[in-house]
Amino acid sequence: QVQLVESGGGLVQAGGSLRLSCAASGRTFSSCAVAWFRQPPGKEREFVAAIDRSGSRTRYADSVQGRFATSRDNAKNAVYLQMNSLKPEAAAVYYCAAKLASALITYSREVEYDYWGQGTQVTVSS
């Protein structure tokens, strides 16, 4: 069992930066692939970024490529999402999700993830 808690959300001006954290409990976290998803107001949840269980492979949605970066520290049971050059359309509730993975693979579909955090709100003012 893995429990996830996101933090780091808040209000930021367009063009600014935020760093989200996802703290995990459970001894199997280092065996988990992790992803970030977001749900803008009135819209469906969408994929943002993913990282494999070792941190060596990452994948990003086209809309955030080059501006967002995800990383992890398995010794701290944590995953991070650095968000730079934020745009107003990035405003959303951001979720981290995890799944046990036997290989160094990233996953971008919601249905593949077994564990979810409660989310953290990001608001971007224009």
C-alpha atoms as a PDB file:
ATOM      1  CA  GLN A   1       0.000   0.000   0.000  1.00  0.00           C
ATOM      2  CA  VAL A   2       1.256   3.479  -0.888  1.00  0.00           C
ATOM      3  CA  GLN A   3      -0.171   6.715   0.436  1.00  0.00           C
ATOM      4  CA  LEU A   4       0.576   9.969  -1.344  1.00  0.00           C
ATOM      5  CA  VAL A   5       0.348  13.547  -0.108  1.00  0.00           C
ATOM      6  CA  GLU A   6       0.908  16.504  -2.412  1.00  0.00           C
ATOM      7  CA  SER A   7       2.072  19.923  -1.262  1.00  0.00           C
ATOM      8  CA  GLY A   8       3.488  23.125  -2.661  1.00  0.00           C
ATOM      9  CA  GLY A   9       0.482  24.473  -4.490  1.00  0.00           C
ATOM     10  CA  GLY A  10      -0.597  28.064  -4.211  1.00  0.00           C
ATOM     11  CA  LEU A  11      -1.097  31.318  -6.045  1.00  0.00           C
ATOM     12  CA  VAL A  12       1.536  32.475  -8.504  1.00  0.00           C
ATOM     13  CA  GLN A  13       1.669  35.123 -11.195  1.00  0.00           C
ATOM     14  CA  ALA A  14       1.865  34.118 -14.816  1.00  0.00           C
ATOM     15  CA  GLY A  15       5.504  33.568 -15.728  1.00  0.00           C
ATOM     16  CA  GLY A  16       6.370  32.498 -12.204  1.00  0.00           C
ATOM     17  CA  SER A  17       7.438  29.165 -10.780  1.00  0.00           C
ATOM     18  CA  LEU A  18       6.215  26.637  -8.259  1.00  0.00           C
ATOM     19  CA  ARG A  19       7.616  23.379  -6.995  1.00  0.00           C
ATOM     20  CA  LEU A  20       5.173  20.674  -6.042  1.00  0.00           C
ATOM     21  CA  SER A  21       6.117  17.791  -3.801  1.00  0.00           C
ATOM     22  CA  CYS A  22       4.576  14.366  -3.446  1.00  0.00           C
ATOM     23  CA  ALA A  23       5.446  12.606  -0.215  1.00  0.00           C
ATOM     24  CA  ALA A  24       4.887   8.876  -0.120  1.00  0.00           C
ATOM     25  CA  SER A  25       4.547   6.370   2.659  1.00  0.00           C
ATOM     26  CA  GLY A  26       5.217   2.685   2.232  1.00  0.00           C
ATOM     27  CA  ARG A  27       8.336   0.617   1.716  1.00  0.00           C
ATOM     28  CA  THR A  28       7.521  -0.114  -1.920  1.00  0.00           C
ATOM     29  CA  PHE A  29       7.721   3.457  -3.179  1.00  0.00           C
ATOM     30  CA  SER A  30      11.102   2.934  -4.815  1.00  0.00           C
ATOM     31  CA  SER A  31       9.436   0.240  -6.915  1.00  0.00           C
ATOM     32  CA  CYS A  32       6.756   2.622  -8.122  1.00  0.00           C
ATOM     33  CA  ALA A  33       6.494   4.604 -11.288  1.00  0.00           C
ATOM     34  CA  VAL A  34       4.943   7.994 -10.540  1.00  0.00           C
ATOM     35  CA  ALA A  35       3.066  10.558 -12.563  1.00  0.00           C
ATOM     36  CA  TRP A  36       1.564  13.994 -12.180  1.00  0.00           C
ATOM     37  CA  PHE A  37      -1.902  14.758 -13.484  1.00  0.00           C
ATOM     38  CA  ARG A  38      -3.952  17.929 -13.274  1.00  0.00           C
ATOM     39  CA  GLN A  39      -7.603  18.813 -13.453  1.00  0.00           C
ATOM     40  CA  PRO A  40      -8.458  22.366 -14.530  1.00  0.00           C
ATOM     41  CA  PRO A  41     -11.801  23.802 -13.410  1.00  0.00           C
ATOM     42  CA  GLY A  42     -14.649  22.256 -15.357  1.00  0.00           C
ATOM     43  CA  LYS A  43     -12.359  19.967 -17.342  1.00  0.00           C
ATOM     44  CA  GLU A  44     -11.213  16.376 -17.235  1.00  0.00           C
ATOM     45  CA  ARG A  45      -8.052  15.319 -15.522  1.00  0.00           C
ATOM     46  CA  GLU A  46      -5.038  15.244 -17.832  1.00  0.00           C
ATOM     47  CA  PHE A  47      -1.537  13.874 -17.858  1.00  0.00           C
ATOM     48  CA  VAL A  48       1.307  16.266 -17.041  1.00  0.00           C
ATOM     49  CA  ALA A  49       4.512  14.309 -16.386  1.00  0.00           C
ATOM     50  CA  ALA A  50       5.770  10.874 -15.437  1.00  0.00           C
ATOM     51  CA  ILE A  51       8.943   9.383 -14.005  1.00  0.00           C
ATOM     52  CA  ASP A  52      10.088   5.794 -13.772  1.00  0.00           C
ATOM     53  CA  ARG A  53      10.883   4.090 -10.504  1.00  0.00           C
ATOM     54  CA  SER A  54      14.591   4.906 -10.702  1.00  0.00           C
ATOM     55  CA  GLY A  55      14.230   8.501 -11.860  1.00  0.00           C
ATOM     56  CA  SER A  56      16.193   7.846 -15.034  1.00  0.00           C
ATOM     57  CA  ARG A  57      13.296   8.208 -17.458  1.00  0.00           C
ATOM     58  CA  THR A  58      10.756  10.987 -17.658  1.00  0.00           C
ATOM     59  CA  ARG A  59       7.903  11.891 -19.977  1.00  0.00           C
ATOM     60  CA  TYR A  60       5.952  15.113 -20.379  1.00  0.00           C
ATOM     61  CA  ALA A  61       2.783  16.346 -21.971  1.00  0.00           C
ATOM     62  CA  ASP A  62       3.466  18.521 -24.995  1.00  0.00           C
ATOM     63  CA  SER A  63       1.868  21.480 -23.237  1.00  0.00           C
ATOM     64  CA  VAL A  64       4.513  21.497 -20.471  1.00  0.00           C
ATOM     65  CA  GLN A  65       7.564  20.142 -22.275  1.00  0.00           C
ATOM     66  CA  GLY A  66      10.570  22.355 -21.636  1.00  0.00           C
ATOM     67  CA  ARG A  67       8.934  24.244 -18.775  1.00  0.00           C
ATOM     68  CA  PHE A  68       8.131  21.521 -16.232  1.00  0.00           C
ATOM     69  CA  ALA A  69      10.524  18.960 -14.787  1.00  0.00           C
ATOM     70  CA  THR A  70       9.829  16.015 -12.551  1.00  0.00           C
ATOM     71  CA  SER A  71      12.372  14.309 -10.323  1.00  0.00           C
ATOM     72  CA  ARG A  72      12.414  11.963  -7.372  1.00  0.00           C
ATOM     73  CA  ASP A  73      14.413  11.138  -4.287  1.00  0.00           C
ATOM     74  CA  ASN A  74      13.728   7.549  -3.306  1.00  0.00           C
ATOM     75  CA  ALA A  75      15.726   7.929  -0.112  1.00  0.00           C
ATOM     76  CA  LYS A  76      13.173  10.527   0.961  1.00  0.00           C
ATOM     77  CA  ASN A  77      10.165   8.788  -0.602  1.00  0.00           C
ATOM     78  CA  ALA A  78       9.415  11.921  -2.568  1.00  0.00           C
ATOM     79  CA  VAL A  79       8.705  13.079  -6.089  1.00  0.00           C
ATOM     80  CA  TYR A  80       8.821  16.675  -7.251  1.00  0.00           C
ATOM     81  CA  LEU A  81       7.355  18.726 -10.064  1.00  0.00           C
ATOM     82  CA  GLN A  82       9.194  21.939 -10.855  1.00  0.00           C
ATOM     83  CA  MET A  83       6.933  24.219 -12.851  1.00  0.00           C
ATOM     84  CA  ASN A  84       8.468  27.233 -14.578  1.00  0.00           C
ATOM     85  CA  SER A  85       7.059  29.912 -16.864  1.00  0.00           C
ATOM     86  CA  LEU A  86       3.583  29.169 -15.612  1.00  0.00           C
ATOM     87  CA  LYS A  87       0.671  30.135 -17.814  1.00  0.00           C
ATOM     88  CA  PRO A  88      -2.881  30.904 -16.654  1.00  0.00           C
ATOM     89  CA  GLU A  89      -4.083  27.677 -18.252  1.00  0.00           C
ATOM     90  CA  ALA A  90      -1.893  25.724 -15.835  1.00  0.00           C
ATOM     91  CA  ALA A  91      -4.337  26.546 -13.038  1.00  0.00           C
ATOM     92  CA  ALA A  92      -5.688  23.241 -11.775  1.00  0.00           C
ATOM     93  CA  VAL A  93      -5.681  20.734  -8.981  1.00  0.00           C
ATOM     94  CA  TYR A  94      -2.475  18.736  -9.343  1.00  0.00           C
ATOM     95  CA  TYR A  95      -2.368  15.089  -8.352  1.00  0.00           C
ATOM     96  CA  CYS A  96       0.457  12.626  -8.025  1.00  0.00           C
ATOM     97  CA  ALA A  97      -0.187   8.969  -8.721  1.00  0.00           C
ATOM     98  CA  ALA A  98       1.876   5.818  -8.300  1.00  0.00           C
ATOM     99  CA  LYS A  99       1.910   2.254  -9.526  1.00  0.00           C
ATOM    100  CA  LEU A 100       4.180  -0.654  -8.833  1.00  0.00           C
ATOM    101  CA  ALA A 101       6.415  -1.192 -11.839  1.00  0.00           C
ATOM    102  CA  SER A 102       8.715  -4.084 -12.599  1.00  0.00           C
ATOM    103  CA  ALA A 103      10.584  -2.205 -15.317  1.00  0.00           C
ATOM    104  CA  LEU A 104      12.015   1.269 -15.861  1.00  0.00           C
ATOM    105  CA  ILE A 105       8.998   2.561 -17.716  1.00  0.00           C
ATOM    106  CA  THR A 106       6.880   5.685 -17.537  1.00  0.00           C
ATOM    107  CA  TYR A 107       3.099   5.530 -17.769  1.00  0.00           C
ATOM    108  CA  SER A 108       0.824   8.346 -18.916  1.00  0.00           C
ATOM    109  CA  ARG A 109      -2.681   6.910 -18.605  1.00  0.00           C
ATOM    110  CA  GLU A 110      -4.766   7.424 -15.474  1.00  0.00           C
ATOM    111  CA  VAL A 111      -6.108   3.890 -15.537  1.00  0.00           C
ATOM    112  CA  GLU A 112      -2.625   2.493 -15.046  1.00  0.00           C
ATOM    113  CA  TYR A 113      -2.204   4.067 -11.615  1.00  0.00           C
ATOM    114  CA  ASP A 114      -3.346   2.428  -8.416  1.00  0.00           C
ATOM    115  CA  TYR A 115      -2.516   5.053  -5.804  1.00  0.00           C
ATOM    116  CA  TRP A 116      -3.531   8.701  -5.804  1.00  0.00           C
ATOM    117  CA  GLY A 117      -3.013  11.700  -3.603  1.00  0.00           C
ATOM    118  CA  GLN A 118      -5.717  14.193  -2.650  1.00  0.00           C
ATOM    119  CA  GLY A 119      -4.321  16.932  -4.859  1.00  0.00           C
ATOM    120  CA  THR A 120      -2.958  20.412  -4.379  1.00  0.00           C
ATOM    121  CA  GLN A 121      -4.423  23.566  -5.907  1.00  0.00           C
ATOM    122  CA  VAL A 122      -2.374  25.714  -8.248  1.00  0.00           C
ATOM    123  CA  THR A 123      -3.746  29.113  -9.201  1.00  0.00           C
ATOM    124  CA  VAL A 124      -2.061  31.274 -11.823  1.00  0.00           C
ATOM    125  CA  SER A 125      -2.994  34.933 -12.050  1.00  0.00           C
ATOM    126  CA  SER A 126      -2.658  36.757 -15.337  1.00  0.00           C
END
